[in-house]
Amino acid sequence: MSRILLLHATTEGQTALIAERVAHTLREKGHSVELLPADAAKPLDPSAYDGVMIGASIHYGNHPAFLRKLVIRHRDALAARPCAFFSVSLSAGGPRPKPAAAQRYIDKFIRKTGWQPQMAISFAGALKWSMYGPIKRRVMFVFISLGGGNTDASNDYEYTDWDAVKRFAEAYAERLKQT
């Protein structure tokens, strides 16, 4: 089957968990998957793979700047193979989801990088109070309060739809069959 590069850019770890689930599903379908953090020191050569998938979290309305630079640097290699992108944010699900906002984050990333993945989706992330420092905790408290979410910082809250993650990975595996 296909050899796939799956890169992820994560802050509190939810995007990495989603990437691991995607990799697991693709491996179940018989594909070889190299799962790497997008900021790994290892030099990347997307042209060495049959397909590439990239996942990134949203923080303060943006995907990581280093990921935008990486995608721009490898845009031609990415365009030459089946590619997919997943974005992880509370806008995609969680307290008072805003799917249109989640889609705007994807659109902005695509516009800024000039990359056109064949598949793109937003997944709901997690509210990980236990991992936030004092400043981020205050900022998140304000955003979550305004959104009607649970501000009980003694618990973490996961909003990821794991069935949707599996369906996305399966759809990507089907796309790989067609190439």
C-alpha atoms as a PDB file:
ATOM      1  CA  MET A   1       0.000   0.000   0.000  1.00  0.00           C
ATOM      2  CA  SER A   2       0.938   3.650   0.297  1.00  0.00           C
ATOM      3  CA  ARG A   3       3.638   5.285   2.380  1.00  0.00           C
ATOM      4  CA  ILE A   4       2.193   8.304   4.205  1.00  0.00           C
ATOM      5  CA  LEU A   5       3.814  11.181   6.065  1.00  0.00           C
ATOM      6  CA  LEU A   6       1.565  12.456   8.857  1.00  0.00           C
ATOM      7  CA  LEU A   7       2.770  15.685  10.469  1.00  0.00           C
ATOM      8  CA  HIS A   8       1.134  17.313  13.450  1.00  0.00           C
ATOM      9  CA  ALA A   9       1.545  20.632  15.248  1.00  0.00           C
ATOM     10  CA  THR A  10       0.142  20.432  18.765  1.00  0.00           C
ATOM     11  CA  THR A  11       0.299  22.550  21.906  1.00  0.00           C
ATOM     12  CA  GLU A  12      -1.482  20.667  24.675  1.00  0.00           C
ATOM     13  CA  GLY A  13      -1.437  17.326  22.887  1.00  0.00           C
ATOM     14  CA  GLN A  14      -4.968  16.895  21.503  1.00  0.00           C
ATOM     15  CA  THR A  15      -3.834  17.274  17.886  1.00  0.00           C
ATOM     16  CA  ALA A  16      -1.175  14.620  18.506  1.00  0.00           C
ATOM     17  CA  LEU A  17      -3.870  12.280  19.873  1.00  0.00           C
ATOM     18  CA  ILE A  18      -5.986  12.882  16.781  1.00  0.00           C
ATOM     19  CA  ALA A  19      -2.959  12.273  14.528  1.00  0.00           C
ATOM     20  CA  GLU A  20      -2.259   9.004  16.367  1.00  0.00           C
ATOM     21  CA  ARG A  21      -5.850   7.864  15.791  1.00  0.00           C
ATOM     22  CA  VAL A  22      -5.604   8.788  12.090  1.00  0.00           C
ATOM     23  CA  ALA A  23      -2.304   6.888  11.809  1.00  0.00           C
ATOM     24  CA  HIS A  24      -3.853   3.859  13.520  1.00  0.00           C
ATOM     25  CA  THR A  25      -6.788   3.852  11.102  1.00  0.00           C
ATOM     26  CA  LEU A  26      -4.514   4.214   8.065  1.00  0.00           C
ATOM     27  CA  ARG A  27      -2.307   1.373   9.313  1.00  0.00           C
ATOM     28  CA  GLU A  28      -5.401  -0.805   9.756  1.00  0.00           C
ATOM     29  CA  LYS A  29      -6.060  -0.144   6.066  1.00  0.00           C
ATOM     30  CA  GLY A  30      -2.579  -1.478   5.250  1.00  0.00           C
ATOM     31  CA  HIS A  31      -0.700   1.789   4.800  1.00  0.00           C
ATOM     32  CA  SER A  32       2.714   2.603   6.208  1.00  0.00           C
ATOM     33  CA  VAL A  33       2.553   5.823   8.243  1.00  0.00           C
ATOM     34  CA  GLU A  34       5.421   7.941   9.522  1.00  0.00           C
ATOM     35  CA  LEU A  35       3.951  10.088  12.296  1.00  0.00           C
ATOM     36  CA  LEU A  36       6.080  13.113  13.213  1.00  0.00           C
ATOM     37  CA  PRO A  37       5.725  16.400  15.036  1.00  0.00           C
ATOM     38  CA  ALA A  38       5.851  19.130  12.396  1.00  0.00           C
ATOM     39  CA  ASP A  39       8.567  20.948  14.334  1.00  0.00           C
ATOM     40  CA  ALA A  40      10.878  17.906  14.464  1.00  0.00           C
ATOM     41  CA  ALA A  41      14.526  18.606  13.752  1.00  0.00           C
ATOM     42  CA  LYS A  42      14.519  15.849  11.126  1.00  0.00           C
ATOM     43  CA  PRO A  43      14.767  17.255   7.583  1.00  0.00           C
ATOM     44  CA  LEU A  44      11.570  16.535   5.680  1.00  0.00           C
ATOM     45  CA  ASP A  45      11.180  15.324   2.131  1.00  0.00           C
ATOM     46  CA  PRO A  46       7.464  15.005   1.350  1.00  0.00           C
ATOM     47  CA  SER A  47       8.351  13.806  -2.153  1.00  0.00           C
ATOM     48  CA  ALA A  48       9.567  10.530  -0.577  1.00  0.00           C
ATOM     49  CA  TYR A  49       5.960   9.655   0.343  1.00  0.00           C
ATOM     50  CA  ASP A  50       2.876   8.620  -1.606  1.00  0.00           C
ATOM     51  CA  GLY A  51       0.678  10.925   0.457  1.00  0.00           C
ATOM     52  CA  VAL A  52       0.934  13.585   3.135  1.00  0.00           C
ATOM     53  CA  MET A  53      -1.457  14.561   5.893  1.00  0.00           C
ATOM     54  CA  ILE A  54      -0.951  17.544   8.185  1.00  0.00           C
ATOM     55  CA  GLY A  55      -2.831  18.389  11.359  1.00  0.00           C
ATOM     56  CA  ALA A  56      -2.565  21.534  13.456  1.00  0.00           C
ATOM     57  CA  SER A  57      -4.264  23.177  16.385  1.00  0.00           C
ATOM     58  CA  ILE A  58      -5.662  26.684  16.496  1.00  0.00           C
ATOM     59  CA  HIS A  59      -4.567  29.031  19.239  1.00  0.00           C
ATOM     60  CA  TYR A  60      -5.663  32.637  19.381  1.00  0.00           C
ATOM     61  CA  GLY A  61      -7.135  32.349  15.897  1.00  0.00           C
ATOM     62  CA  ASN A  62      -4.064  30.987  14.087  1.00  0.00           C
ATOM     63  CA  HIS A  63      -2.280  27.803  13.184  1.00  0.00           C
ATOM     64  CA  PRO A  64       1.421  27.824  14.165  1.00  0.00           C
ATOM     65  CA  ALA A  65       3.626  30.164  12.110  1.00  0.00           C
ATOM     66  CA  PHE A  66       6.352  27.507  11.808  1.00  0.00           C
ATOM     67  CA  LEU A  67       3.830  25.186  10.147  1.00  0.00           C
ATOM     68  CA  ARG A  68       2.836  27.829   7.609  1.00  0.00           C
ATOM     69  CA  LYS A  69       6.525  28.238   6.709  1.00  0.00           C
ATOM     70  CA  LEU A  70       7.008  24.466   6.427  1.00  0.00           C
ATOM     71  CA  VAL A  71       4.009  24.114   4.106  1.00  0.00           C
ATOM     72  CA  ILE A  72       5.142  27.027   1.930  1.00  0.00           C
ATOM     73  CA  ARG A  73       8.647  25.529   1.699  1.00  0.00           C
ATOM     74  CA  HIS A  74       7.246  22.145   0.554  1.00  0.00           C
ATOM     75  CA  ARG A  75       4.192  23.389  -1.350  1.00  0.00           C
ATOM     76  CA  ASP A  76       5.274  21.943  -4.735  1.00  0.00           C
ATOM     77  CA  ALA A  77       5.977  18.490  -3.288  1.00  0.00           C
ATOM     78  CA  LEU A  78       2.647  18.575  -1.451  1.00  0.00           C
ATOM     79  CA  ALA A  79       0.784  19.549  -4.622  1.00  0.00           C
ATOM     80  CA  ALA A  80       2.194  16.516  -6.421  1.00  0.00           C
ATOM     81  CA  ARG A  81       0.560  13.913  -4.143  1.00  0.00           C
ATOM     82  CA  PRO A  82      -2.692  13.266  -2.298  1.00  0.00           C
ATOM     83  CA  CYS A  83      -2.752  15.580   0.712  1.00  0.00           C
ATOM     84  CA  ALA A  84      -5.123  16.232   3.551  1.00  0.00           C
ATOM     85  CA  PHE A  85      -5.283  18.794   6.324  1.00  0.00           C
ATOM     86  CA  PHE A  86      -7.070  18.721   9.647  1.00  0.00           C
ATOM     87  CA  SER A  87      -7.472  21.662  11.952  1.00  0.00           C
ATOM     88  CA  VAL A  88      -8.253  21.285  15.659  1.00  0.00           C
ATOM     89  CA  SER A  89     -10.135  23.961  17.578  1.00  0.00           C
ATOM     90  CA  LEU A  90     -12.890  24.533  20.097  1.00  0.00           C
ATOM     91  CA  SER A  91     -14.759  26.397  17.343  1.00  0.00           C
ATOM     92  CA  ALA A  92     -15.288  23.082  15.552  1.00  0.00           C
ATOM     93  CA  GLY A  93     -17.083  21.642  18.584  1.00  0.00           C
ATOM     94  CA  GLY A  94     -17.323  22.097  22.287  1.00  0.00           C
ATOM     95  CA  PRO A  95     -19.143  24.907  24.029  1.00  0.00           C
ATOM     96  CA  ARG A  96     -21.282  26.717  21.464  1.00  0.00           C
ATOM     97  CA  PRO A  97     -19.538  25.409  18.341  1.00  0.00           C
ATOM     98  CA  LYS A  98     -18.971  27.826  15.491  1.00  0.00           C
ATOM     99  CA  PRO A  99     -18.360  25.680  12.391  1.00  0.00           C
ATOM    100  CA  ALA A 100     -18.173  28.729  10.113  1.00  0.00           C
ATOM    101  CA  ALA A 101     -15.344  30.147  12.257  1.00  0.00           C
ATOM    102  CA  ALA A 102     -13.565  26.778  12.196  1.00  0.00           C
ATOM    103  CA  GLN A 103     -13.807  26.770   8.390  1.00  0.00           C
ATOM    104  CA  ARG A 104     -12.438  30.317   8.234  1.00  0.00           C
ATOM    105  CA  TYR A 105      -9.332  29.135  10.110  1.00  0.00           C
ATOM    106  CA  ILE A 106      -8.772  26.483   7.434  1.00  0.00           C
ATOM    107  CA  ASP A 107      -9.447  28.962   4.638  1.00  0.00           C
ATOM    108  CA  LYS A 108      -6.986  31.455   6.152  1.00  0.00           C
ATOM    109  CA  PHE A 109      -4.280  28.787   6.446  1.00  0.00           C
ATOM    110  CA  ILE A 110      -4.793  27.718   2.830  1.00  0.00           C
ATOM    111  CA  ARG A 111      -4.770  31.330   1.646  1.00  0.00           C
ATOM    112  CA  LYS A 112      -1.589  32.190   3.560  1.00  0.00           C
ATOM    113  CA  THR A 113       0.275  29.072   2.383  1.00  0.00           C
ATOM    114  CA  GLY A 114      -1.060  28.752  -1.156  1.00  0.00           C
ATOM    115  CA  TRP A 115      -1.469  25.019  -0.481  1.00  0.00           C
ATOM    116  CA  GLN A 116      -4.572  23.251  -1.776  1.00  0.00           C
ATOM    117  CA  PRO A 117      -5.040  19.959   0.095  1.00  0.00           C
ATOM    118  CA  GLN A 118      -7.566  17.654  -1.562  1.00  0.00           C
ATOM    119  CA  MET A 119      -9.260  17.117   1.802  1.00  0.00           C
ATOM    120  CA  ALA A 120      -9.625  19.465   4.750  1.00  0.00           C
ATOM    121  CA  ILE A 121     -11.672  19.232   7.931  1.00  0.00           C
ATOM    122  CA  SER A 122     -11.990  20.738  11.394  1.00  0.00           C
ATOM    123  CA  PHE A 123     -12.175  18.604  14.493  1.00  0.00           C
ATOM    124  CA  ALA A 124     -13.178  19.754  17.926  1.00  0.00           C
ATOM    125  CA  GLY A 125     -10.298  19.795  20.346  1.00  0.00           C
ATOM    126  CA  ALA A 126     -10.180  19.743  24.113  1.00  0.00           C
ATOM    127  CA  LEU A 127     -10.248  22.208  26.935  1.00  0.00           C
ATOM    128  CA  LYS A 128      -7.238  21.186  28.987  1.00  0.00           C
ATOM    129  CA  TRP A 129      -7.333  23.435  32.030  1.00  0.00           C
ATOM    130  CA  SER A 130      -4.696  21.273  33.733  1.00  0.00           C
ATOM    131  CA  MET A 131      -2.127  22.217  31.099  1.00  0.00           C
ATOM    132  CA  TYR A 132      -2.672  25.981  31.007  1.00  0.00           C
ATOM    133  CA  GLY A 133      -0.405  28.446  32.736  1.00  0.00           C
ATOM    134  CA  PRO A 134      -1.902  31.343  34.695  1.00  0.00           C
ATOM    135  CA  ILE A 135      -2.141  33.769  31.771  1.00  0.00           C
ATOM    136  CA  LYS A 136      -3.632  31.284  29.291  1.00  0.00           C
ATOM    137  CA  ARG A 137      -6.007  30.055  31.994  1.00  0.00           C
ATOM    138  CA  ARG A 138      -7.353  33.607  32.422  1.00  0.00           C
ATOM    139  CA  VAL A 139      -7.690  34.160  28.690  1.00  0.00           C
ATOM    140  CA  MET A 140      -9.418  30.802  28.207  1.00  0.00           C
ATOM    141  CA  PHE A 141     -11.719  31.510  31.152  1.00  0.00           C
ATOM    142  CA  VAL A 142     -12.949  34.678  29.423  1.00  0.00           C
ATOM    143  CA  PHE A 143     -13.443  32.960  26.047  1.00  0.00           C
ATOM    144  CA  ILE A 144     -15.148  29.922  27.535  1.00  0.00           C
ATOM    145  CA  SER A 145     -17.376  32.084  29.755  1.00  0.00           C
ATOM    146  CA  LEU A 146     -18.500  34.099  26.751  1.00  0.00           C
ATOM    147  CA  GLY A 147     -19.119  30.876  24.820  1.00  0.00           C
ATOM    148  CA  GLY A 148     -21.202  29.335  27.583  1.00  0.00           C
ATOM    149  CA  GLY A 149     -18.714  26.548  28.299  1.00  0.00           C
ATOM    150  CA  ASN A 150     -17.759  24.961  31.561  1.00  0.00           C
ATOM    151  CA  THR A 151     -15.282  27.131  33.426  1.00  0.00           C
ATOM    152  CA  ASP A 152     -14.686  24.562  36.169  1.00  0.00           C
ATOM    153  CA  ALA A 153     -10.911  24.513  35.855  1.00  0.00           C
ATOM    154  CA  SER A 154     -10.615  21.458  38.098  1.00  0.00           C
ATOM    155  CA  ASN A 155     -11.487  19.259  35.098  1.00  0.00           C
ATOM    156  CA  ASP A 156     -10.372  18.895  31.494  1.00  0.00           C
ATOM    157  CA  TYR A 157     -13.011  18.540  28.759  1.00  0.00           C
ATOM    158  CA  GLU A 158     -12.610  16.643  25.509  1.00  0.00           C
ATOM    159  CA  TYR A 159     -14.879  17.473  22.590  1.00  0.00           C
ATOM    160  CA  THR A 160     -13.246  15.458  19.779  1.00  0.00           C
ATOM    161  CA  ASP A 161     -15.645  13.326  17.745  1.00  0.00           C
ATOM    162  CA  TRP A 162     -13.509  10.195  17.390  1.00  0.00           C
ATOM    163  CA  ASP A 163     -15.920   8.618  14.896  1.00  0.00           C
ATOM    164  CA  ALA A 164     -15.493  11.661  12.638  1.00  0.00           C
ATOM    165  CA  VAL A 165     -11.702  11.302  12.924  1.00  0.00           C
ATOM    166  CA  LYS A 166     -11.932   7.671  11.841  1.00  0.00           C
ATOM    167  CA  ARG A 167     -14.247   8.512   8.919  1.00  0.00           C
ATOM    168  CA  PHE A 168     -11.825  11.200   7.724  1.00  0.00           C
ATOM    169  CA  ALA A 169      -8.879   8.773   7.838  1.00  0.00           C
ATOM    170  CA  GLU A 170     -10.921   6.147   5.995  1.00  0.00           C
ATOM    171  CA  ALA A 171     -11.926   8.672   3.316  1.00  0.00           C
ATOM    172  CA  TYR A 172      -8.255   9.607   2.866  1.00  0.00           C
ATOM    173  CA  ALA A 173      -7.349   5.911   2.533  1.00  0.00           C
ATOM    174  CA  GLU A 174     -10.004   5.608  -0.185  1.00  0.00           C
ATOM    175  CA  ARG A 175      -8.549   8.627  -1.996  1.00  0.00           C
ATOM    176  CA  LEU A 176      -5.119   6.981  -1.929  1.00  0.00           C
ATOM    177  CA  LYS A 177      -6.594   3.906  -3.643  1.00  0.00           C
ATOM    178  CA  GLN A 178      -7.791   6.097  -6.495  1.00  0.00           C
ATOM    179  CA  THR A 179      -4.327   7.436  -7.307  1.00  0.00           C
END
